[in-house]
Protein backbone atom coordinates (compact mmCIF):
# COMPACT_ATOMS: atom_id res chain seq x y z
CA MET A 1 4.48 -10.13 -40.41
CA PRO A 2 3.90 -12.11 -37.24
CA VAL A 3 5.78 -10.95 -34.19
CA GLN A 4 7.51 -13.52 -31.99
CA TYR A 5 7.76 -13.24 -28.21
CA SER A 6 9.48 -15.54 -25.76
CA SER A 7 7.69 -16.70 -22.65
CA VAL A 8 9.04 -16.16 -19.18
CA GLY A 9 11.86 -18.43 -18.08
CA GLU A 10 11.03 -21.26 -20.50
CA ASP A 11 12.03 -22.39 -24.01
CA GLU A 12 8.46 -22.47 -25.31
CA ARG A 13 7.56 -19.83 -27.90
CA PHE A 14 4.36 -18.33 -29.12
CA LEU A 15 3.39 -16.14 -32.03
CA VAL A 16 1.31 -12.99 -31.98
CA ASP A 17 -0.37 -12.33 -35.31
CA THR A 18 -0.76 -8.63 -36.01
CA THR A 19 -2.40 -9.14 -39.40
CA GLN A 20 -5.84 -10.26 -38.24
CA ALA A 21 -8.83 -8.65 -39.87
CA THR A 22 -9.78 -7.08 -36.57
CA GLY A 23 -6.52 -5.16 -36.49
CA GLY A 24 -5.98 -6.26 -32.88
CA ILE A 25 -3.34 -8.43 -31.29
CA VAL A 26 -4.24 -12.04 -30.75
CA ALA A 27 -2.89 -12.88 -27.33
CA PRO A 28 -1.21 -16.13 -26.37
CA SER A 29 -3.23 -18.58 -24.38
CA ALA A 30 -3.56 -17.94 -20.66
CA SER A 31 -1.21 -20.76 -19.78
CA GLN A 32 1.43 -19.59 -22.24
CA ALA A 33 1.18 -16.02 -21.03
CA ARG A 34 2.17 -16.96 -17.51
CA ILE A 35 4.77 -19.69 -17.99
CA GLY A 36 7.53 -19.34 -15.44
CA SER A 37 5.68 -17.09 -13.00
CA ASP A 38 6.18 -17.52 -9.28
CA SER A 39 2.58 -18.45 -8.53
CA GLU A 40 0.20 -21.07 -9.73
CA ASP A 41 -2.07 -20.15 -12.63
CA PRO A 42 -5.71 -19.88 -11.50
CA GLU A 43 -6.83 -21.19 -14.89
CA ARG A 44 -4.98 -24.44 -14.24
CA GLU A 45 -7.18 -25.01 -11.20
CA HIS A 46 -10.66 -26.48 -11.44
CA GLU A 47 -13.74 -24.70 -10.21
CA LEU A 48 -15.74 -26.81 -7.76
CA GLU A 49 -19.01 -26.38 -5.95
CA LEU A 50 -18.72 -24.35 -2.76
CA ASP A 51 -19.55 -27.33 -0.53
CA GLU A 52 -16.72 -29.30 -2.12
CA LEU A 53 -14.27 -26.44 -1.71
CA LEU A 54 -14.95 -25.53 1.93
CA THR A 55 -13.19 -28.51 3.47
CA ALA A 56 -10.38 -28.58 6.01
CA GLY A 57 -7.97 -29.89 3.39
CA ASN A 58 -8.76 -27.15 0.89
CA LEU A 59 -8.56 -24.46 3.57
CA ARG A 60 -5.13 -25.73 4.63
CA ALA A 61 -3.97 -25.85 1.02
CA GLU A 62 -5.23 -22.33 0.33
CA ALA A 63 -3.65 -21.06 3.55
CA ALA A 64 -0.31 -22.58 2.55
CA ARG A 65 -0.62 -21.00 -0.91
CA LEU A 66 -1.42 -17.55 0.49
CA VAL A 67 1.27 -17.66 3.18
CA TRP A 68 3.87 -18.76 0.64
CA ALA A 69 2.75 -16.02 -1.75
CA SER A 70 2.74 -13.45 1.04
CA LEU A 71 6.35 -13.94 2.15
CA PRO A 72 8.06 -11.97 -0.64
CA ILE A 73 5.18 -9.50 -0.72
CA MET A 74 5.51 -8.93 3.02
CA ALA A 75 9.24 -8.46 2.52
CA SER A 76 8.43 -5.79 -0.04
CA THR A 77 5.71 -3.98 1.93
CA THR A 78 7.75 -3.94 5.14
CA THR A 79 10.82 -2.46 3.48
CA MET A 80 9.91 1.04 4.62
CA LEU A 81 9.18 -0.25 8.11
CA PHE A 82 12.75 -1.55 8.41
CA ILE A 83 13.97 1.83 7.18
CA THR A 84 11.60 3.94 9.31
CA LEU A 85 12.26 2.23 12.65
CA PRO A 86 16.05 2.80 12.71
CA LEU A 87 15.49 6.23 11.16
CA MET A 88 13.14 7.26 13.98
CA SER A 89 15.55 5.81 16.53
CA ALA A 90 18.33 8.00 15.07
CA VAL A 91 16.07 11.06 14.83
CA GLY A 92 15.07 10.63 18.48
CA ARG A 93 18.63 11.54 19.45
CA LEU A 94 18.44 14.87 17.55
CA GLY A 95 16.11 16.41 20.13
CA LYS A 96 12.44 17.14 20.78
CA ILE A 97 12.08 19.75 18.03
CA VAL A 98 13.20 17.39 15.28
CA LEU A 99 11.10 14.54 16.71
CA ALA A 100 8.06 16.82 16.89
CA SER A 101 8.77 17.94 13.32
CA MET A 102 8.68 14.31 12.20
CA ASN A 103 5.13 14.13 13.50
CA LEU A 104 4.21 17.06 11.25
CA VAL A 105 6.08 15.48 8.34
CA SER A 106 4.03 12.32 8.82
CA ILE A 107 0.78 14.30 8.80
CA PHE A 108 1.66 16.23 5.66
CA MET A 109 2.98 13.15 3.88
CA GLY A 110 -0.21 11.21 4.59
CA LEU A 111 -2.70 13.93 3.70
CA CYS A 112 -0.96 15.71 0.82
CA GLY A 113 1.25 13.01 -0.69
CA VAL A 114 0.44 9.40 -0.01
CA SER A 115 -3.35 9.81 -0.05
CA PRO A 116 -3.64 11.46 -3.50
CA LEU A 117 -1.09 9.11 -5.09
CA MET A 118 -1.87 5.83 -3.31
CA GLY A 119 -5.29 5.69 -4.97
CA ILE A 120 -3.51 5.23 -8.30
CA THR A 121 -1.66 2.15 -7.05
CA MET A 122 -4.93 0.76 -5.64
CA ALA A 123 -6.54 1.16 -9.06
CA LEU A 124 -3.61 -0.64 -10.64
CA ASP A 125 -3.96 -3.50 -8.13
CA SER A 126 -7.53 -4.12 -9.28
CA LEU A 127 -7.01 -3.67 -13.01
CA CYS A 128 -3.79 -5.68 -13.30
CA SER A 129 -4.91 -8.60 -11.12
CA GLN A 130 -8.19 -8.99 -13.01
CA GLY A 131 -6.68 -8.23 -16.40
CA HIS A 132 -3.96 -10.86 -15.96
CA THR A 133 -6.52 -13.66 -16.29
CA ALA A 134 -9.36 -11.89 -18.12
CA ALA A 135 -7.58 -9.86 -20.83
CA ARG A 136 -7.01 -11.32 -24.31
CA ASP A 137 -3.63 -9.59 -24.61
CA ARG A 138 -1.11 -9.82 -21.77
CA ARG A 139 0.35 -6.44 -22.76
CA GLN A 140 -2.82 -4.79 -21.55
CA LEU A 141 -1.11 -4.85 -18.14
CA GLY A 142 1.70 -2.73 -19.57
CA LEU A 143 -0.85 -0.22 -20.82
CA TYR A 144 -2.44 -0.08 -17.35
CA LEU A 145 0.98 0.64 -15.85
CA GLN A 146 1.66 3.40 -18.38
CA ARG A 147 -1.68 5.06 -17.70
CA ALA A 148 -1.05 4.87 -13.95
CA LEU A 149 2.32 6.58 -14.34
CA VAL A 150 0.78 9.30 -16.54
CA VAL A 151 -1.91 10.01 -13.93
CA MET A 152 0.71 9.99 -11.16
CA MET A 153 2.88 12.57 -12.93
CA MET A 154 -0.15 14.80 -13.53
CA THR A 155 -1.07 14.60 -9.84
CA THR A 156 2.51 15.38 -8.82
CA LEU A 157 2.47 18.66 -10.75
CA VAL A 158 -0.61 19.71 -8.81
CA ILE A 159 0.46 18.82 -5.26
CA TYR A 160 4.20 19.62 -5.13
CA PRO A 161 3.78 23.43 -4.81
CA LEU A 162 1.93 22.73 -1.55
CA TRP A 163 4.91 20.71 -0.29
CA TRP A 164 7.31 23.51 -1.23
CA ASN A 165 5.29 25.98 0.87
CA SER A 166 4.56 23.61 3.77
CA GLN A 167 6.45 25.81 6.27
CA HIS A 168 4.03 28.67 5.63
CA VAL A 169 1.05 26.32 5.85
CA TYR A 170 2.06 25.17 9.32
CA GLN A 171 2.87 28.69 10.49
CA MET A 172 -0.62 29.79 9.39
CA LEU A 173 -2.00 26.97 11.55
CA GLY A 174 -0.17 28.36 14.58
CA ILE A 175 2.69 25.87 14.78
CA PRO A 176 5.78 27.34 16.53
CA LYS A 177 8.15 28.83 13.97
CA ASP A 178 11.17 26.71 14.91
CA ILE A 179 9.21 23.48 14.41
CA ALA A 180 7.54 24.75 11.20
CA VAL A 181 10.90 25.76 9.68
CA VAL A 182 12.46 22.35 10.33
CA THR A 183 9.35 20.62 8.98
CA GLY A 184 9.37 22.69 5.79
CA GLN A 185 13.06 21.99 5.17
CA ILE A 186 12.46 18.25 5.47
CA LEU A 187 9.33 18.16 3.30
CA ARG A 188 10.78 19.98 0.28
CA LEU A 189 13.17 17.10 -0.34
CA TYR A 190 11.16 14.33 1.33
CA PHE A 191 8.56 14.50 -1.46
CA PHE A 192 10.90 13.04 -4.06
CA GLY A 193 11.60 10.01 -1.91
CA ILE A 194 7.87 9.42 -1.49
CA LEU A 195 7.33 9.83 -5.24
CA ALA A 196 10.03 7.24 -5.99
CA LEU A 197 8.46 4.84 -3.49
CA LEU A 198 5.01 5.24 -5.05
CA VAL A 199 6.35 4.71 -8.57
CA ASN A 200 7.87 1.53 -7.17
CA GLU A 201 4.42 0.61 -5.80
CA CYS A 202 3.05 0.84 -9.35
CA LEU A 203 5.82 -1.44 -10.61
CA LYS A 204 5.05 -3.87 -7.78
CA SER A 205 1.34 -3.93 -8.65
CA TYR A 206 2.26 -4.72 -12.25
CA LEU A 207 4.54 -7.60 -11.20
CA PHE A 208 2.49 -9.04 -8.33
CA ALA A 209 -0.58 -9.32 -10.55
CA GLN A 210 1.42 -11.59 -12.87
CA GLY A 211 2.52 -13.82 -10.01
CA ILE A 212 6.07 -12.43 -10.13
CA ARG A 213 7.16 -12.03 -6.52
CA ARG A 214 10.78 -13.07 -6.11
CA PHE A 215 12.03 -9.60 -7.11
CA ALA A 216 11.01 -8.33 -3.66
CA VAL A 217 13.80 -10.33 -2.04
CA TYR A 218 16.41 -9.09 -4.51
CA THR A 219 15.44 -5.43 -4.20
CA ASN A 220 15.46 -5.59 -0.39
CA VAL A 221 18.96 -7.06 -0.43
CA VAL A 222 20.07 -3.93 -2.29
CA CYS A 223 17.85 -1.30 -0.67
CA LEU A 224 18.03 -2.04 3.05
CA PRO A 225 21.83 -2.02 3.45
CA ALA A 226 22.03 1.17 1.38
CA SER A 227 19.38 2.83 3.57
CA TRP A 228 20.93 1.69 6.86
CA LEU A 229 24.32 2.92 5.72
CA SER A 230 22.83 6.29 4.77
CA ILE A 231 21.17 6.58 8.22
CA TRP A 232 24.52 5.99 9.90
CA LEU A 233 26.44 8.33 7.61
CA LEU A 234 23.92 11.16 7.37
CA ILE A 235 22.43 11.17 10.90
CA SER A 236 24.05 8.91 13.49
CA ASN A 237 27.77 9.39 12.80
CA GLU A 238 28.84 12.75 14.26
CA ARG A 239 31.66 13.19 11.75
CA THR A 240 29.51 12.81 8.63
CA SER A 241 26.07 13.81 9.93
CA VAL A 242 24.22 16.54 8.04
CA GLY A 243 21.72 16.96 10.85
CA VAL A 244 18.04 17.28 10.13
CA MET A 245 18.50 17.22 6.34
CA GLY A 246 19.75 13.67 6.67
CA VAL A 247 16.14 12.59 7.22
CA PRO A 248 14.81 13.40 3.71
CA LEU A 249 18.08 12.30 2.13
CA VAL A 250 17.69 8.84 3.66
CA ILE A 251 14.15 8.54 2.25
CA VAL A 252 15.23 9.77 -1.20
CA ILE A 253 18.15 7.35 -1.31
CA GLY A 254 15.99 4.43 -0.16
CA GLY A 255 13.20 5.26 -2.63
CA LEU A 256 15.51 5.65 -5.62
CA VAL A 257 17.50 2.49 -4.87
CA LEU A 258 14.30 0.49 -4.44
CA CYS A 259 12.68 1.85 -7.62
CA LEU A 260 15.79 1.40 -9.76
CA SER A 261 16.33 -2.14 -8.43
CA THR A 262 12.79 -3.10 -9.45
CA LEU A 263 13.26 -1.55 -12.90
CA VAL A 264 16.48 -3.49 -13.41
CA PHE A 265 14.69 -6.72 -12.46
CA ILE A 266 11.89 -6.04 -14.97
CA VAL A 267 14.25 -5.15 -17.81
CA ARG A 268 16.81 -7.89 -17.25
CA PHE A 269 14.89 -10.80 -15.74
CA ASP A 270 11.09 -10.92 -15.65
CA GLY A 271 8.00 -8.82 -16.27
CA TYR A 272 9.13 -7.08 -19.47
CA GLN A 273 7.01 -9.51 -21.52
CA SER A 274 3.80 -7.68 -20.55
CA TRP A 275 5.18 -4.19 -21.16
CA GLY A 276 4.70 -3.94 -24.94
CA GLY A 277 6.61 -0.66 -25.27
CA TRP A 278 5.47 2.87 -24.53
CA SER A 279 2.22 3.68 -26.34
CA ARG A 280 0.31 6.85 -27.16
CA ALA A 281 -2.75 4.90 -26.05
CA SER A 282 -1.59 5.56 -22.48
CA LEU A 283 -2.54 9.23 -22.95
CA SER A 284 -6.16 8.37 -23.66
CA GLY A 285 -8.75 6.14 -22.05
CA LEU A 286 -7.76 7.37 -18.60
CA GLY A 287 -11.35 7.48 -17.32
CA PRO A 288 -11.56 3.99 -15.71
CA ILE A 289 -8.24 4.27 -13.89
CA ILE A 290 -8.99 7.83 -12.75
CA ARG A 291 -12.37 6.78 -11.35
CA LEU A 292 -10.83 3.88 -9.44
CA ALA A 293 -7.94 6.12 -8.35
CA LEU A 294 -10.27 8.83 -7.01
CA ALA A 295 -12.12 6.26 -4.92
CA GLY A 296 -8.80 4.79 -3.79
CA SER A 297 -7.54 8.25 -2.86
CA ALA A 298 -10.68 8.83 -0.80
CA ILE A 299 -9.99 5.53 1.00
CA ALA A 300 -6.36 6.45 1.65
CA LEU A 301 -7.33 9.98 2.73
CA CYS A 302 -9.89 8.73 5.25
CA GLU A 303 -7.44 6.16 6.62
CA SER A 304 -4.79 8.85 6.89
CA LEU A 305 -7.18 11.37 8.45
CA ALA A 306 -8.37 8.80 10.97
CA LEU A 307 -4.81 8.35 12.20
CA HIS A 308 -3.70 11.94 11.73
CA THR A 309 -6.67 13.23 13.70
CA ILE A 310 -4.56 12.03 16.62
CA ASP A 311 -1.48 13.75 15.22
CA ILE A 312 -3.36 17.00 14.63
CA GLY A 313 -5.06 16.88 18.03
CA VAL A 314 -1.78 16.31 19.83
CA LEU A 315 -0.45 19.58 18.37
CA PHE A 316 -2.52 21.34 21.03
CA LEU A 317 -0.87 19.33 23.81
CA ASP A 318 2.69 19.60 25.12
CA THR A 319 5.89 18.84 23.19
CA SER A 320 6.46 15.57 25.08
CA SER A 321 3.05 14.28 23.99
CA MET A 322 3.85 15.26 20.41
CA ALA A 323 7.14 13.36 20.60
CA ALA A 324 5.42 10.29 22.08
CA GLN A 325 2.75 10.36 19.37
CA ALA A 326 5.42 10.40 16.65
CA ILE A 327 6.68 7.09 18.02
CA LEU A 328 3.17 5.65 18.47
CA SER A 329 2.46 6.44 14.82
CA THR A 330 5.62 4.59 13.84
CA LEU A 331 4.55 1.54 15.86
CA LEU A 332 1.12 1.56 14.25
CA SER A 333 2.73 1.83 10.83
CA GLY A 334 4.21 -1.62 11.48
CA THR A 335 0.78 -3.24 11.37
CA TRP A 336 -0.10 -1.02 8.40
CA PHE A 337 2.84 -2.32 6.40
CA MET A 338 2.11 -5.94 7.33
CA GLY A 339 -1.60 -5.45 6.70
CA SER A 340 -0.78 -4.03 3.29
CA GLY A 341 1.04 -7.26 2.51
CA PHE A 342 -2.03 -9.35 3.28
CA ALA A 343 -4.23 -6.88 1.40
CA ILE A 344 -2.06 -7.21 -1.72
CA VAL A 345 -2.11 -11.01 -1.49
CA ALA A 346 -5.89 -11.00 -1.15
CA CYS A 347 -6.38 -8.43 -3.91
CA ASN A 348 -4.23 -10.26 -6.45
CA ARG A 349 -5.52 -13.75 -5.67
CA ILE A 350 -9.17 -12.69 -5.74
CA GLY A 351 -8.68 -10.51 -8.82
CA ASN A 352 -6.98 -13.38 -10.67
CA LEU A 353 -9.77 -15.80 -9.71
CA LEU A 354 -12.56 -13.42 -10.70
CA GLY A 355 -10.82 -12.80 -14.01
CA ALA A 356 -10.69 -16.56 -14.55
CA GLY A 357 -14.40 -16.87 -13.65
CA MET A 358 -13.80 -18.86 -10.44
CA SER A 359 -16.19 -17.27 -7.97
CA ASN A 360 -16.22 -20.18 -5.51
CA ARG A 361 -12.45 -20.31 -5.24
CA ALA A 362 -12.46 -16.56 -4.64
CA LEU A 363 -14.77 -17.11 -1.67
CA LEU A 364 -12.44 -19.82 -0.35
CA THR A 365 -9.62 -17.25 -0.48
CA VAL A 366 -11.74 -14.79 1.50
CA TYR A 367 -12.25 -17.22 4.38
CA THR A 368 -8.59 -18.17 4.38
CA ILE A 369 -7.06 -14.69 4.30
CA LEU A 370 -9.31 -13.50 7.12
CA GLY A 371 -8.28 -16.47 9.24
CA ILE A 372 -4.59 -15.83 8.59
CA SER A 373 -4.91 -12.13 9.44
CA THR A 374 -6.59 -12.91 12.75
CA VAL A 375 -3.94 -15.47 13.70
CA VAL A 376 -1.13 -13.01 12.92
CA PHE A 377 -2.34 -9.66 14.29
CA VAL A 378 -3.94 -10.75 17.57
CA PRO A 379 -0.68 -12.26 18.94
CA LEU A 380 1.35 -9.28 17.67
CA GLY A 381 -0.93 -6.85 19.49
CA THR A 382 -0.65 -8.96 22.64
CA LEU A 383 3.15 -8.94 22.52
CA LEU A 384 3.25 -5.17 22.06
CA LEU A 385 0.93 -4.76 25.03
CA ILE A 386 3.04 -6.98 27.29
CA GLY A 387 6.36 -5.39 26.34
CA ARG A 388 5.26 -1.74 26.32
CA ASP A 389 7.87 -0.54 28.85
CA ARG A 390 10.77 -2.08 26.94
CA VAL A 391 9.44 -0.71 23.66
CA ALA A 392 9.30 2.81 25.12
CA ALA A 393 12.93 2.57 26.27
CA MET A 394 14.02 1.51 22.77
CA PHE A 395 12.85 4.74 21.16
CA THR A 396 13.74 7.52 23.57
CA ASP A 397 16.03 8.42 26.47
CA ASP A 398 13.67 11.14 27.69
CA GLY A 399 11.91 9.90 30.85
CA GLU A 400 8.79 12.03 30.38
CA VAL A 401 8.31 10.96 26.77
CA ALA A 402 8.93 7.30 27.69
CA GLY A 403 6.27 7.46 30.42
CA ILE A 404 3.64 8.91 28.07
CA LEU A 405 4.59 6.37 25.43
CA ALA A 406 4.28 3.35 27.74
CA ALA A 407 0.89 4.56 28.98
CA HIS A 408 -0.54 4.80 25.45
CA ILE A 409 1.01 1.75 23.76
CA PRO A 410 -2.06 -0.38 24.74
CA TRP A 411 -4.19 1.85 22.50
CA ALA A 412 -1.74 1.35 19.63
CA ALA A 413 -1.76 -2.42 20.24
CA VAL A 414 -5.56 -2.66 20.04
CA GLY A 415 -5.75 -0.24 17.11
CA GLY A 416 -3.04 -2.12 15.23
CA THR A 417 -4.80 -5.46 15.67
CA ILE A 418 -8.09 -4.08 14.33
CA GLN A 419 -6.32 -2.24 11.52
CA GLY A 420 -4.53 -5.40 10.36
CA ILE A 421 -7.80 -7.32 9.99
CA ASN A 422 -9.47 -4.24 8.49
CA MET A 423 -6.85 -4.12 5.74
CA ALA A 424 -7.47 -7.75 4.84
CA PHE A 425 -11.09 -6.81 4.15
CA SER A 426 -9.83 -3.83 2.16
CA GLY A 427 -7.73 -6.13 -0.05
CA ILE A 428 -10.73 -8.38 -0.66
CA MET A 429 -12.88 -5.47 -1.82
CA ARG A 430 -10.08 -4.04 -3.97
CA GLY A 431 -9.73 -7.43 -5.64
CA GLN A 432 -13.39 -7.07 -6.56
CA GLY A 433 -12.81 -3.54 -7.85
CA ARG A 434 -15.23 -2.07 -5.28
CA GLN A 435 -13.15 0.93 -4.25
CA ALA A 436 -16.15 3.27 -4.49
CA LEU A 437 -18.14 1.30 -1.91
CA LEU A 438 -15.08 0.97 0.29
CA ALA A 439 -14.58 4.74 0.12
CA ARG A 440 -18.16 5.34 1.29
CA ILE A 441 -17.59 3.05 4.27
CA ARG A 442 -14.38 4.85 5.20
CA ILE A 443 -15.98 8.30 4.92
CA ALA A 444 -19.03 7.30 6.97
CA THR A 445 -17.05 5.72 9.81
CA PHE A 446 -14.55 8.57 9.92
CA LEU A 447 -17.05 11.44 9.93
CA GLY A 448 -19.81 9.62 11.81
CA ILE A 449 -17.81 7.76 14.47
CA SER A 450 -14.11 8.63 14.75
CA ILE A 451 -14.42 12.42 14.86
CA PRO A 452 -17.45 12.65 17.21
CA LEU A 453 -16.08 10.11 19.69
CA SER A 454 -12.62 11.69 19.69
CA ALA A 455 -14.16 15.11 20.34
CA PHE A 456 -16.34 13.74 23.14
CA ALA A 457 -13.46 11.90 24.82
CA VAL A 458 -11.12 14.90 24.66
CA LEU A 459 -13.48 17.81 25.31
CA VAL A 460 -15.93 16.19 27.74
CA LEU A 461 -14.00 13.34 29.38
CA HIS A 462 -10.62 15.16 29.20
CA TRP A 463 -8.77 12.02 28.16
CA ASP A 464 -6.33 14.07 26.04
CA LEU A 465 -4.10 11.74 23.95
CA ALA A 466 -6.01 8.64 25.09
CA GLY A 467 -9.25 10.26 23.94
CA LEU A 468 -7.85 10.81 20.46
CA TRP A 469 -6.84 7.14 20.27
CA PHE A 470 -10.28 6.07 21.55
CA GLY A 471 -11.98 7.70 18.56
CA TYR A 472 -9.52 6.10 16.14
CA VAL A 473 -10.03 2.59 17.54
CA ALA A 474 -13.83 2.96 17.51
CA GLY A 475 -13.80 4.12 13.88
CA ALA A 476 -11.51 1.30 12.76
CA LEU A 477 -13.70 -1.28 14.50
CA SER A 478 -16.84 0.14 12.86
CA SER A 479 -15.20 0.08 9.44
CA THR A 480 -14.15 -3.54 9.93
CA CYS A 481 -17.69 -4.57 10.89
CA ALA A 482 -19.20 -2.77 7.88
CA GLN A 483 -16.76 -4.43 5.48
CA ALA A 484 -17.43 -7.81 7.08
CA TYR A 485 -21.13 -7.36 6.35
CA ILE A 486 -20.51 -6.30 2.73
CA VAL A 487 -18.15 -9.20 2.02
CA SER A 488 -20.45 -11.75 3.68
CA THR A 489 -23.39 -10.67 1.48
CA THR A 490 -21.46 -10.46 -1.81
CA ASN A 491 -22.88 -12.12 -4.93
CA TRP A 492 -19.64 -13.58 -6.29
CA ASN A 493 -21.10 -14.65 -9.64
CA LYS A 494 -22.12 -11.04 -10.24
CA GLN A 495 -18.59 -9.93 -9.37
CA VAL A 496 -17.26 -12.21 -12.12
CA GLU A 497 -19.58 -10.51 -14.63
CA LEU A 498 -18.55 -7.03 -13.48
CA CYS A 499 -14.89 -8.01 -13.76
CA GLN A 500 -15.34 -9.12 -17.37
CA ARG A 501 -17.09 -5.87 -18.24
CA ARG A 502 -14.36 -3.78 -16.62
CA ILE A 503 -11.55 -5.50 -18.49
CA SER A 504 -13.45 -5.40 -21.79
CA ALA A 505 -14.04 -1.67 -21.37
CA THR A 506 -10.31 -1.04 -20.96
CA ALA A 507 -9.10 -3.38 -23.73
CA LEU A 508 -6.27 -2.33 -26.02
CA PRO A 509 -7.64 0.12 -28.60
CA LEU A 510 -4.80 -0.47 -31.10
CA PRO A 511 -1.88 -2.85 -31.53
CA LEU A 512 0.87 -1.50 -29.30
CA ALA A 513 3.52 -2.41 -31.87
CA ASP A 514 1.95 0.07 -34.33
CA ASP A 515 1.28 2.79 -31.77
CA ARG A 516 4.71 3.67 -30.41
């Protein structure tokens, strides 16, 4: 019997015939599959010669398209920024020990939580964006999501015991016991908030690839007030404060509210059409997503190590420097969150265009997204540099910490500007599915440039915290230059062919309706 599905937000209907001789599901046409999405369908555009595309009018039109598409995505990616900034401001009033512990929490979270799991979401970005226009069955995206969640749960079982014993890990590294104890208490619960946030990242990848973006506004309307209220109740308000344990509770509450809000949107409003129901096929064929995820994890690990080299190095300095670095890391995370927004826009747009076979339009997107990133991050870095004294006063009442912070904000401003542009290149290469090459670039620049220059600046020049930041900035600049060379020499027609092969290799093995 044919199975009937309704398209998104429209009255049109299409039929999926499950009785074909091939035994597979015949997908609706590309235009039917994406009726009612928030973005324009790449297959409704026309491929032109590159000379015809690279005009001022087309660049302006593409810029407008990308900026418009980026607004809800930026709202989504900066959610944690708008939670973290008031959270750090509240934590700063709990004393130096708690603030120093937050620096250790950030290190552990980046190296032992976000890095292993973020590679899975990067893999999903590539597969879903390309599969949305290249796959014959729209429900292949649902299968990608299921496989990503399976791999994420497997990874969680491996890494959580390390989080549970984080206090002992830090004590073995020589961290003072009072700081290690507070850090361990936070991390045991903090993990579940990070897990909820990363599950939400998978759901976002699934939706963004389909051009569904408006959910980001709705989920923020629910999540941010709930998180701000929890910060006030659990930390800031003396009558209801639970002290240091309020920190992980805020993250858990924010992560769960955000994840559940996205799930409700998918189930009740949009995105469920590509789900297809849970399938046993999600337990097999994990090779492609694991390979992409491993490369993505290497990328995330190198990015995290590059920043946390500073955090680890500052452990051997005084407590005031540790407290200042915790705030500097928070400031740099602002450009990371914004850069992630541009990276997602670039990844999805380029992945959609490659899936549709439009190599020239993909190149137009490359030029445009790089221009937008430059226009955004250079002024932001300049403003941070000019207002460094006021920024320092916003985060701490301690005069010594504020002085160290103001002296090192220029490094964060320069590093943030480079990082923002660097992440735009990262999104371009992820849209191509070239995580393995991107991982090699990250590893080479981290081991070959960041570490040696940081060591030289600290041990020979005695620059202390500034020396650690010098190595980070040099490594980020080198990575950006290497990616610029790779992108500028890309054969885009070959990328279209590789995209088609990748999606064909991960096609649905069985009809999902018969495999639940």
